[in-house]
N, C-alpha and C. Protein backbone atom coordinates (compact mmCIF):
# COMPACT_ATOMS: atom_id res chain seq x y z
N MET A 1 -93.13 -1.51 -39.90
CA MET A 1 -91.91 -1.30 -39.20
C MET A 1 -91.25 -2.61 -39.11
N SER A 2 -91.80 -3.78 -38.48
CA SER A 2 -91.17 -4.90 -38.47
C SER A 2 -91.08 -5.69 -39.78
N ASP A 3 -92.08 -5.47 -40.64
CA ASP A 3 -91.96 -6.08 -41.97
C ASP A 3 -90.81 -5.43 -42.67
N ASP A 4 -90.44 -4.27 -42.46
CA ASP A 4 -89.29 -3.62 -43.17
C ASP A 4 -88.11 -4.23 -42.74
N VAL A 5 -87.90 -4.67 -41.42
CA VAL A 5 -86.85 -5.40 -40.96
C VAL A 5 -86.69 -6.89 -41.65
N VAL A 6 -87.68 -7.50 -41.70
CA VAL A 6 -87.72 -8.82 -42.23
C VAL A 6 -87.46 -8.84 -43.73
N ARG A 7 -87.93 -7.74 -44.46
CA ARG A 7 -87.55 -7.60 -45.92
C ARG A 7 -86.26 -7.22 -46.11
N ALA A 8 -85.60 -6.38 -45.23
CA ALA A 8 -84.10 -5.97 -45.52
C ALA A 8 -83.26 -7.15 -45.23
N ALA A 9 -83.58 -8.06 -44.12
CA ALA A 9 -82.81 -9.06 -43.83
C ALA A 9 -83.02 -10.21 -44.99
N GLN A 10 -84.07 -10.42 -45.64
CA GLN A 10 -84.33 -11.22 -46.65
C GLN A 10 -83.46 -10.95 -47.89
N ALA A 11 -83.44 -9.63 -48.33
CA ALA A 11 -82.81 -9.12 -49.43
C ALA A 11 -81.26 -9.32 -49.11
N ARG A 12 -80.77 -9.10 -47.99
CA ARG A 12 -79.39 -9.32 -47.79
C ARG A 12 -79.00 -10.74 -47.77
N LEU A 13 -79.83 -11.65 -47.24
CA LEU A 13 -79.56 -13.05 -47.21
C LEU A 13 -79.57 -13.60 -48.72
N SER A 14 -80.58 -13.21 -49.50
CA SER A 14 -80.79 -13.50 -50.87
C SER A 14 -79.44 -13.20 -51.62
N THR A 15 -78.67 -12.19 -51.20
CA THR A 15 -77.52 -11.86 -51.96
C THR A 15 -76.39 -12.65 -51.41
N ALA A 16 -76.32 -12.76 -49.98
CA ALA A 16 -75.19 -13.71 -49.44
C ALA A 16 -75.33 -15.08 -49.66
N PHE A 17 -76.50 -15.60 -49.78
CA PHE A 17 -76.72 -17.06 -50.07
C PHE A 17 -77.34 -17.37 -51.50
N PRO A 18 -76.53 -16.97 -52.56
CA PRO A 18 -77.27 -17.32 -53.86
C PRO A 18 -77.58 -18.81 -54.08
N GLY A 19 -78.68 -19.14 -54.59
CA GLY A 19 -79.09 -20.49 -54.74
C GLY A 19 -79.83 -21.04 -53.63
N TRP A 20 -79.84 -20.19 -52.45
CA TRP A 20 -80.62 -20.76 -51.41
C TRP A 20 -82.22 -20.13 -51.56
N ARG A 21 -83.11 -21.08 -51.14
CA ARG A 21 -84.48 -20.51 -51.30
C ARG A 21 -84.89 -19.82 -49.97
N ASP A 22 -85.61 -18.70 -50.23
CA ASP A 22 -86.24 -17.85 -49.18
C ASP A 22 -87.53 -18.63 -48.73
N ALA A 23 -87.42 -19.25 -47.60
CA ALA A 23 -88.54 -19.98 -47.07
C ALA A 23 -89.28 -19.31 -45.88
N THR A 24 -89.10 -17.99 -45.76
CA THR A 24 -89.69 -17.10 -44.71
C THR A 24 -91.16 -17.43 -44.71
N GLY A 25 -91.68 -17.81 -43.68
CA GLY A 25 -93.13 -18.08 -43.60
C GLY A 25 -93.72 -19.25 -44.18
N ASP A 26 -92.74 -20.20 -44.53
CA ASP A 26 -93.10 -21.44 -45.23
C ASP A 26 -93.06 -22.53 -44.05
N ALA A 27 -94.23 -23.15 -43.81
CA ALA A 27 -94.08 -24.22 -42.74
C ALA A 27 -93.51 -25.57 -43.21
N GLN A 28 -93.37 -25.79 -44.63
CA GLN A 28 -92.70 -26.82 -45.12
C GLN A 28 -91.51 -26.62 -45.64
N ALA A 29 -90.63 -25.87 -45.09
CA ALA A 29 -89.18 -25.54 -45.58
C ALA A 29 -88.31 -26.74 -45.80
N THR A 30 -88.60 -27.84 -45.10
CA THR A 30 -87.62 -29.03 -45.33
C THR A 30 -88.05 -30.04 -46.21
N GLU A 31 -89.07 -29.85 -47.06
CA GLU A 31 -89.47 -30.79 -47.95
C GLU A 31 -88.37 -31.18 -49.09
N ARG A 32 -88.52 -32.33 -49.56
CA ARG A 32 -87.51 -32.94 -50.40
C ARG A 32 -87.43 -31.87 -51.58
N GLY A 33 -86.12 -31.57 -52.11
CA GLY A 33 -86.04 -30.70 -53.21
C GLY A 33 -86.09 -29.32 -52.98
N ARG A 34 -86.34 -28.81 -51.70
CA ARG A 34 -86.58 -27.49 -51.29
C ARG A 34 -85.40 -26.84 -50.53
N LEU A 35 -84.40 -27.58 -50.33
CA LEU A 35 -83.17 -27.07 -49.54
C LEU A 35 -82.03 -26.93 -50.56
N PRO A 36 -81.07 -26.10 -50.26
CA PRO A 36 -81.10 -25.31 -48.92
C PRO A 36 -82.01 -24.26 -48.92
N ALA A 37 -82.24 -23.73 -47.73
CA ALA A 37 -83.24 -22.66 -47.49
C ALA A 37 -82.83 -21.77 -46.20
N PHE A 38 -83.34 -20.58 -46.22
CA PHE A 38 -83.22 -19.78 -45.17
C PHE A 38 -84.49 -19.17 -44.85
N ALA A 39 -84.81 -18.70 -43.55
CA ALA A 39 -86.09 -18.08 -43.09
C ALA A 39 -85.71 -17.03 -42.14
N VAL A 40 -86.56 -15.99 -42.19
CA VAL A 40 -86.31 -14.93 -41.35
C VAL A 40 -87.47 -14.58 -40.43
N SER A 41 -87.39 -14.47 -39.21
CA SER A 41 -88.53 -14.14 -38.35
C SER A 41 -88.16 -13.06 -37.30
N LEU A 42 -89.03 -12.21 -36.83
CA LEU A 42 -88.85 -11.13 -35.83
C LEU A 42 -89.91 -11.31 -34.82
N THR A 43 -89.52 -11.44 -33.54
CA THR A 43 -90.33 -11.39 -32.44
C THR A 43 -90.13 -10.15 -31.63
N ILE A 44 -91.17 -9.43 -31.41
CA ILE A 44 -91.12 -8.18 -30.62
C ILE A 44 -91.20 -8.56 -29.14
N THR A 45 -90.31 -8.36 -28.32
CA THR A 45 -90.32 -8.67 -26.88
C THR A 45 -90.76 -7.68 -25.98
N ASP A 46 -90.64 -6.51 -26.32
CA ASP A 46 -90.86 -5.30 -25.17
C ASP A 46 -91.21 -3.96 -26.00
N SER A 47 -91.73 -3.04 -25.42
CA SER A 47 -91.97 -1.77 -26.13
C SER A 47 -92.17 -0.82 -24.94
N GLU A 48 -91.83 0.38 -25.22
CA GLU A 48 -92.21 1.54 -24.14
C GLU A 48 -92.01 2.89 -25.19
N ARG A 49 -92.82 3.79 -24.54
CA ARG A 49 -92.91 5.12 -25.19
C ARG A 49 -91.45 5.74 -25.22
N VAL A 50 -91.10 6.41 -26.32
CA VAL A 50 -89.77 7.10 -26.38
C VAL A 50 -89.73 8.25 -25.28
N GLY A 51 -90.79 8.95 -25.24
CA GLY A 51 -90.67 10.25 -24.28
C GLY A 51 -92.11 10.63 -23.95
N MET A 52 -92.22 11.49 -22.94
CA MET A 52 -93.48 11.88 -22.44
C MET A 52 -94.14 12.73 -23.48
N GLY A 53 -95.40 12.23 -23.92
CA GLY A 53 -96.26 13.01 -24.79
C GLY A 53 -95.80 12.84 -26.28
N GLY A 54 -94.80 11.95 -26.48
CA GLY A 54 -94.30 11.57 -27.92
C GLY A 54 -95.23 10.60 -28.47
N ASP A 55 -95.19 10.52 -29.77
CA ASP A 55 -95.99 9.44 -30.58
C ASP A 55 -95.16 8.22 -30.72
N ASP A 56 -93.69 8.31 -30.79
CA ASP A 56 -92.91 7.09 -31.16
C ASP A 56 -92.75 6.32 -29.94
N TRP A 57 -92.44 4.97 -30.25
CA TRP A 57 -92.23 3.96 -29.21
C TRP A 57 -90.92 3.28 -29.58
N TRP A 58 -90.15 2.71 -28.65
CA TRP A 58 -89.17 1.81 -28.67
C TRP A 58 -89.79 0.41 -28.70
N TYR A 59 -89.19 -0.39 -29.63
CA TYR A 59 -89.64 -1.86 -29.70
C TYR A 59 -88.37 -2.61 -29.73
N ASP A 60 -88.32 -3.56 -28.65
CA ASP A 60 -87.08 -4.50 -28.57
C ASP A 60 -87.50 -5.79 -29.01
N GLY A 61 -86.44 -6.51 -29.74
CA GLY A 61 -87.00 -7.74 -30.49
C GLY A 61 -85.83 -8.76 -30.67
N ILE A 62 -86.09 -9.94 -31.22
CA ILE A 62 -85.20 -10.85 -31.51
C ILE A 62 -85.41 -11.16 -33.01
N LEU A 63 -84.40 -10.96 -33.84
CA LEU A 63 -84.40 -11.31 -35.10
C LEU A 63 -83.72 -12.74 -35.37
N THR A 64 -84.43 -13.68 -35.87
CA THR A 64 -83.81 -15.06 -36.00
C THR A 64 -83.72 -15.43 -37.54
N VAL A 65 -82.49 -15.94 -37.95
CA VAL A 65 -82.35 -16.41 -39.27
C VAL A 65 -82.06 -17.87 -39.11
N GLY A 66 -83.00 -18.59 -39.78
CA GLY A 66 -82.80 -20.16 -39.64
C GLY A 66 -82.26 -20.51 -41.14
N LEU A 67 -81.23 -21.32 -41.08
CA LEU A 67 -80.70 -21.98 -42.33
C LEU A 67 -80.95 -23.44 -42.13
N ARG A 68 -81.43 -23.94 -43.31
CA ARG A 68 -81.67 -25.56 -43.34
C ARG A 68 -81.00 -25.91 -44.60
N THR A 69 -80.16 -26.97 -44.46
CA THR A 69 -79.71 -27.56 -45.59
C THR A 69 -79.58 -29.24 -45.31
N GLU A 70 -79.41 -29.95 -46.40
CA GLU A 70 -79.51 -31.37 -46.07
C GLU A 70 -78.19 -31.76 -45.42
N ALA A 71 -78.55 -32.59 -44.18
CA ALA A 71 -77.31 -32.86 -43.30
C ALA A 71 -76.32 -33.65 -44.13
N ARG A 72 -76.50 -34.33 -45.07
CA ARG A 72 -75.54 -35.01 -45.80
C ARG A 72 -74.41 -34.12 -46.33
N ASP A 73 -74.84 -32.80 -46.64
CA ASP A 73 -73.80 -31.83 -46.78
C ASP A 73 -72.75 -31.49 -45.97
N LEU A 74 -73.14 -31.77 -44.61
CA LEU A 74 -72.33 -31.63 -43.51
C LEU A 74 -71.88 -33.02 -42.88
N ASP A 75 -72.51 -34.03 -43.22
CA ASP A 75 -72.20 -35.31 -42.67
C ASP A 75 -70.97 -35.89 -43.23
N THR A 76 -70.46 -35.56 -44.18
CA THR A 76 -69.27 -35.97 -44.92
C THR A 76 -67.98 -35.58 -44.10
N LEU A 77 -68.24 -34.57 -43.33
CA LEU A 77 -67.19 -34.03 -42.44
C LEU A 77 -67.21 -34.58 -41.04
N ASP A 78 -65.95 -34.68 -40.55
CA ASP A 78 -65.99 -35.12 -39.12
C ASP A 78 -66.55 -34.21 -38.23
N ARG A 79 -66.83 -34.44 -36.93
CA ARG A 79 -67.55 -33.78 -35.91
C ARG A 79 -66.89 -32.26 -35.94
N ASP A 80 -65.73 -32.25 -35.76
CA ASP A 80 -65.14 -30.84 -35.72
C ASP A 80 -65.40 -30.03 -36.93
N ASP A 81 -65.17 -30.71 -38.08
CA ASP A 81 -65.40 -30.02 -39.36
C ASP A 81 -66.87 -29.67 -39.46
N ARG A 82 -67.77 -30.42 -38.99
CA ARG A 82 -69.33 -29.96 -39.11
C ARG A 82 -69.60 -28.74 -38.23
N GLU A 83 -68.86 -28.83 -37.01
CA GLU A 83 -69.06 -27.56 -36.22
C GLU A 83 -68.47 -26.50 -36.81
N ALA A 84 -67.29 -26.58 -37.40
CA ALA A 84 -66.63 -25.40 -38.20
C ALA A 84 -67.47 -24.95 -39.31
N ALA A 85 -68.10 -25.97 -40.08
CA ALA A 85 -69.07 -25.56 -41.17
C ALA A 85 -70.24 -24.64 -40.66
N ALA A 86 -70.69 -25.20 -39.62
CA ALA A 86 -71.95 -24.39 -39.02
C ALA A 86 -71.54 -23.05 -38.43
N LEU A 87 -70.34 -23.04 -37.94
CA LEU A 87 -69.86 -21.60 -37.56
C LEU A 87 -69.63 -20.73 -38.55
N ALA A 88 -69.07 -21.24 -39.88
CA ALA A 88 -68.84 -20.50 -40.97
C ALA A 88 -70.09 -19.98 -41.55
N LEU A 89 -71.18 -20.94 -41.49
CA LEU A 89 -72.60 -20.35 -41.95
C LEU A 89 -72.95 -19.27 -41.14
N SER A 90 -72.92 -19.39 -39.79
CA SER A 90 -73.47 -18.39 -38.83
C SER A 90 -72.47 -17.00 -39.08
N ARG A 91 -71.30 -17.12 -39.33
CA ARG A 91 -70.59 -16.04 -39.71
C ARG A 91 -70.95 -15.33 -40.99
N ASN A 92 -71.31 -16.04 -41.97
CA ASN A 92 -71.95 -15.48 -43.24
C ASN A 92 -73.26 -14.74 -43.05
N VAL A 93 -73.89 -15.28 -42.17
CA VAL A 93 -75.20 -14.63 -41.87
C VAL A 93 -74.77 -13.26 -41.05
N ASN A 94 -74.03 -13.37 -39.96
CA ASN A 94 -73.64 -12.10 -39.27
C ASN A 94 -73.06 -11.07 -40.29
N THR A 95 -72.28 -11.41 -41.29
CA THR A 95 -71.69 -10.46 -42.25
C THR A 95 -72.74 -10.04 -43.09
N ALA A 96 -73.78 -10.69 -43.50
CA ALA A 96 -74.84 -10.13 -44.34
C ALA A 96 -75.74 -9.30 -43.56
N ILE A 97 -76.02 -9.61 -42.45
CA ILE A 97 -77.11 -8.89 -41.67
C ILE A 97 -76.47 -7.46 -41.15
N LEU A 98 -75.20 -7.59 -40.66
CA LEU A 98 -74.47 -6.40 -40.12
C LEU A 98 -73.69 -5.66 -40.89
N GLY A 99 -73.57 -6.09 -42.11
CA GLY A 99 -72.78 -5.31 -43.16
C GLY A 99 -73.35 -3.91 -43.41
N GLY A 100 -72.60 -3.04 -43.85
CA GLY A 100 -72.95 -1.61 -44.13
C GLY A 100 -74.29 -1.38 -45.02
N PRO A 101 -75.11 -0.55 -44.73
CA PRO A 101 -75.18 0.06 -43.28
C PRO A 101 -75.67 -0.94 -42.31
N SER A 102 -75.17 -0.82 -41.04
CA SER A 102 -75.44 -1.87 -40.09
C SER A 102 -76.79 -1.67 -39.44
N ASP A 103 -77.60 -0.90 -39.90
CA ASP A 103 -78.92 -0.71 -39.47
C ASP A 103 -79.98 -1.23 -40.28
N LEU A 104 -79.65 -2.34 -41.07
CA LEU A 104 -80.59 -2.95 -42.06
C LEU A 104 -81.19 -1.88 -42.88
N ASP A 105 -80.44 -1.00 -43.46
CA ASP A 105 -80.90 -0.12 -44.43
C ASP A 105 -81.79 0.84 -43.81
N GLY A 106 -81.77 1.28 -42.50
CA GLY A 106 -82.61 2.09 -41.70
C GLY A 106 -83.80 1.52 -41.12
N ALA A 107 -83.90 0.19 -41.25
CA ALA A 107 -85.12 -0.57 -40.76
C ALA A 107 -85.04 -0.77 -39.24
N ALA A 108 -83.66 -0.72 -38.67
CA ALA A 108 -83.59 -0.96 -37.15
C ALA A 108 -82.71 0.15 -36.58
N TRP A 109 -83.15 0.68 -35.48
CA TRP A 109 -82.38 1.53 -34.64
C TRP A 109 -80.94 1.12 -34.31
N THR A 110 -80.99 -0.19 -33.73
CA THR A 110 -79.78 -0.78 -33.34
C THR A 110 -79.93 -2.40 -33.66
N ILE A 111 -78.86 -3.05 -33.92
CA ILE A 111 -78.89 -4.52 -34.15
C ILE A 111 -77.56 -5.14 -33.75
N GLU A 112 -77.57 -6.20 -32.88
CA GLU A 112 -76.34 -6.70 -32.43
C GLU A 112 -76.52 -8.32 -32.49
N PRO A 113 -75.48 -8.94 -32.68
CA PRO A 113 -75.56 -10.46 -32.62
C PRO A 113 -75.91 -10.91 -31.25
N GLU A 114 -76.61 -11.93 -31.10
CA GLU A 114 -76.91 -12.63 -29.83
C GLU A 114 -76.15 -14.03 -29.81
N GLY A 115 -76.29 -14.73 -30.88
CA GLY A 115 -75.60 -16.12 -30.81
C GLY A 115 -76.17 -16.95 -31.82
N TRP A 116 -75.60 -18.18 -31.99
CA TRP A 116 -76.12 -19.15 -32.95
C TRP A 116 -76.07 -20.54 -32.35
N GLU A 117 -76.84 -21.24 -33.12
CA GLU A 117 -76.95 -22.70 -32.49
C GLU A 117 -77.07 -23.73 -33.73
N ALA A 118 -76.49 -24.77 -33.62
CA ALA A 118 -76.64 -25.78 -34.61
C ALA A 118 -77.18 -27.18 -34.20
N ASP A 119 -78.00 -27.74 -35.02
CA ASP A 119 -78.79 -29.09 -34.71
C ASP A 119 -79.15 -29.80 -35.89
N HIS A 120 -79.72 -30.95 -35.76
CA HIS A 120 -80.20 -31.75 -36.88
C HIS A 120 -81.60 -31.91 -36.68
N GLU A 121 -82.30 -31.84 -37.73
CA GLU A 121 -83.83 -32.20 -37.48
C GLU A 121 -84.05 -33.56 -38.48
N LYS A 122 -85.01 -34.42 -37.90
CA LYS A 122 -85.21 -35.73 -38.72
C LYS A 122 -86.63 -35.46 -39.25
N ALA A 123 -86.74 -35.41 -40.64
CA ALA A 123 -87.86 -35.39 -41.22
C ALA A 123 -87.89 -36.47 -42.31
N GLU A 124 -88.29 -36.13 -43.69
CA GLU A 124 -88.13 -37.04 -44.64
C GLU A 124 -86.72 -37.40 -44.73
N LYS A 125 -85.88 -36.39 -44.54
CA LYS A 125 -84.45 -36.61 -44.61
C LYS A 125 -83.89 -35.96 -43.46
N SER A 126 -82.60 -36.28 -43.04
CA SER A 126 -81.87 -35.69 -42.08
C SER A 126 -81.58 -34.06 -42.59
N VAL A 127 -81.77 -33.20 -41.72
CA VAL A 127 -81.68 -31.69 -42.09
C VAL A 127 -80.63 -31.08 -41.08
N ALA A 128 -79.61 -30.44 -41.49
CA ALA A 128 -78.81 -29.58 -40.73
C ALA A 128 -79.34 -28.30 -40.58
N VAL A 129 -79.46 -27.71 -39.17
CA VAL A 129 -80.16 -26.60 -38.86
C VAL A 129 -79.05 -25.70 -38.30
N VAL A 130 -79.01 -24.49 -38.71
CA VAL A 130 -78.26 -23.27 -38.02
C VAL A 130 -79.13 -22.15 -37.86
N ASP A 131 -79.38 -21.71 -36.58
CA ASP A 131 -80.11 -20.57 -36.26
C ASP A 131 -79.30 -19.54 -35.62
N VAL A 132 -79.34 -18.38 -36.35
CA VAL A 132 -78.48 -17.22 -35.76
C VAL A 132 -79.50 -16.15 -35.25
N THR A 133 -79.25 -15.65 -34.06
CA THR A 133 -80.10 -14.67 -33.53
C THR A 133 -79.33 -13.32 -33.36
N PHE A 134 -80.26 -12.25 -33.49
CA PHE A 134 -79.70 -10.95 -33.16
C PHE A 134 -80.74 -10.16 -32.37
N VAL A 135 -80.31 -9.29 -31.34
CA VAL A 135 -81.06 -8.52 -30.65
C VAL A 135 -81.20 -7.23 -31.34
N LEU A 136 -82.42 -6.55 -31.36
CA LEU A 136 -82.53 -5.22 -32.15
C LEU A 136 -83.58 -4.40 -31.41
N ARG A 137 -83.38 -3.15 -31.75
CA ARG A 137 -84.27 -2.08 -31.33
C ARG A 137 -84.86 -1.36 -32.50
N LEU A 138 -86.09 -1.15 -32.46
CA LEU A 138 -86.77 -0.39 -33.46
C LEU A 138 -87.47 0.84 -32.87
N VAL A 139 -87.70 1.80 -33.61
CA VAL A 139 -88.46 3.07 -33.28
C VAL A 139 -89.54 3.29 -34.26
N GLY A 140 -90.73 3.47 -33.67
CA GLY A 140 -91.81 3.65 -34.71
C GLY A 140 -93.10 4.17 -33.85
N PRO A 141 -94.17 4.24 -34.70
CA PRO A 141 -95.47 4.64 -34.05
C PRO A 141 -96.06 3.51 -33.28
N ALA A 142 -96.90 3.75 -32.47
CA ALA A 142 -97.60 2.81 -31.52
C ALA A 142 -98.19 1.76 -32.45
N ALA A 143 -97.92 0.48 -32.00
CA ALA A 143 -98.46 -0.68 -32.83
C ALA A 143 -100.00 -0.77 -32.55
């Protein structure tokens, strides 16, 4: 069930960000020559039985889409433009994830945007980071 959510998000992001590498599960996503990249993760935060005697459960979670690109791609812009570029990336993620059908092709019961955050990482090179989060609810058998 949670793998279905991640796979659906990966498929949508691959379409929305052609030329970007899918780095989901890759601990070395920021190595030289491997950017730009996106990664998808899902954290289940809570669960409860749907009804008395039923076999299905509600699962609440956070879907995180992390975008990584070389900071120099954004550093040529002034501060306000860097913020606008990061906001534009987050909006593209929202459009990809929430676009029709808005349930990630049936993988999620509900999904809503939670927010986004931009930052820079220092590794071999400076990396611009945009993390976009969604709250979602899944329904499925007991885990």
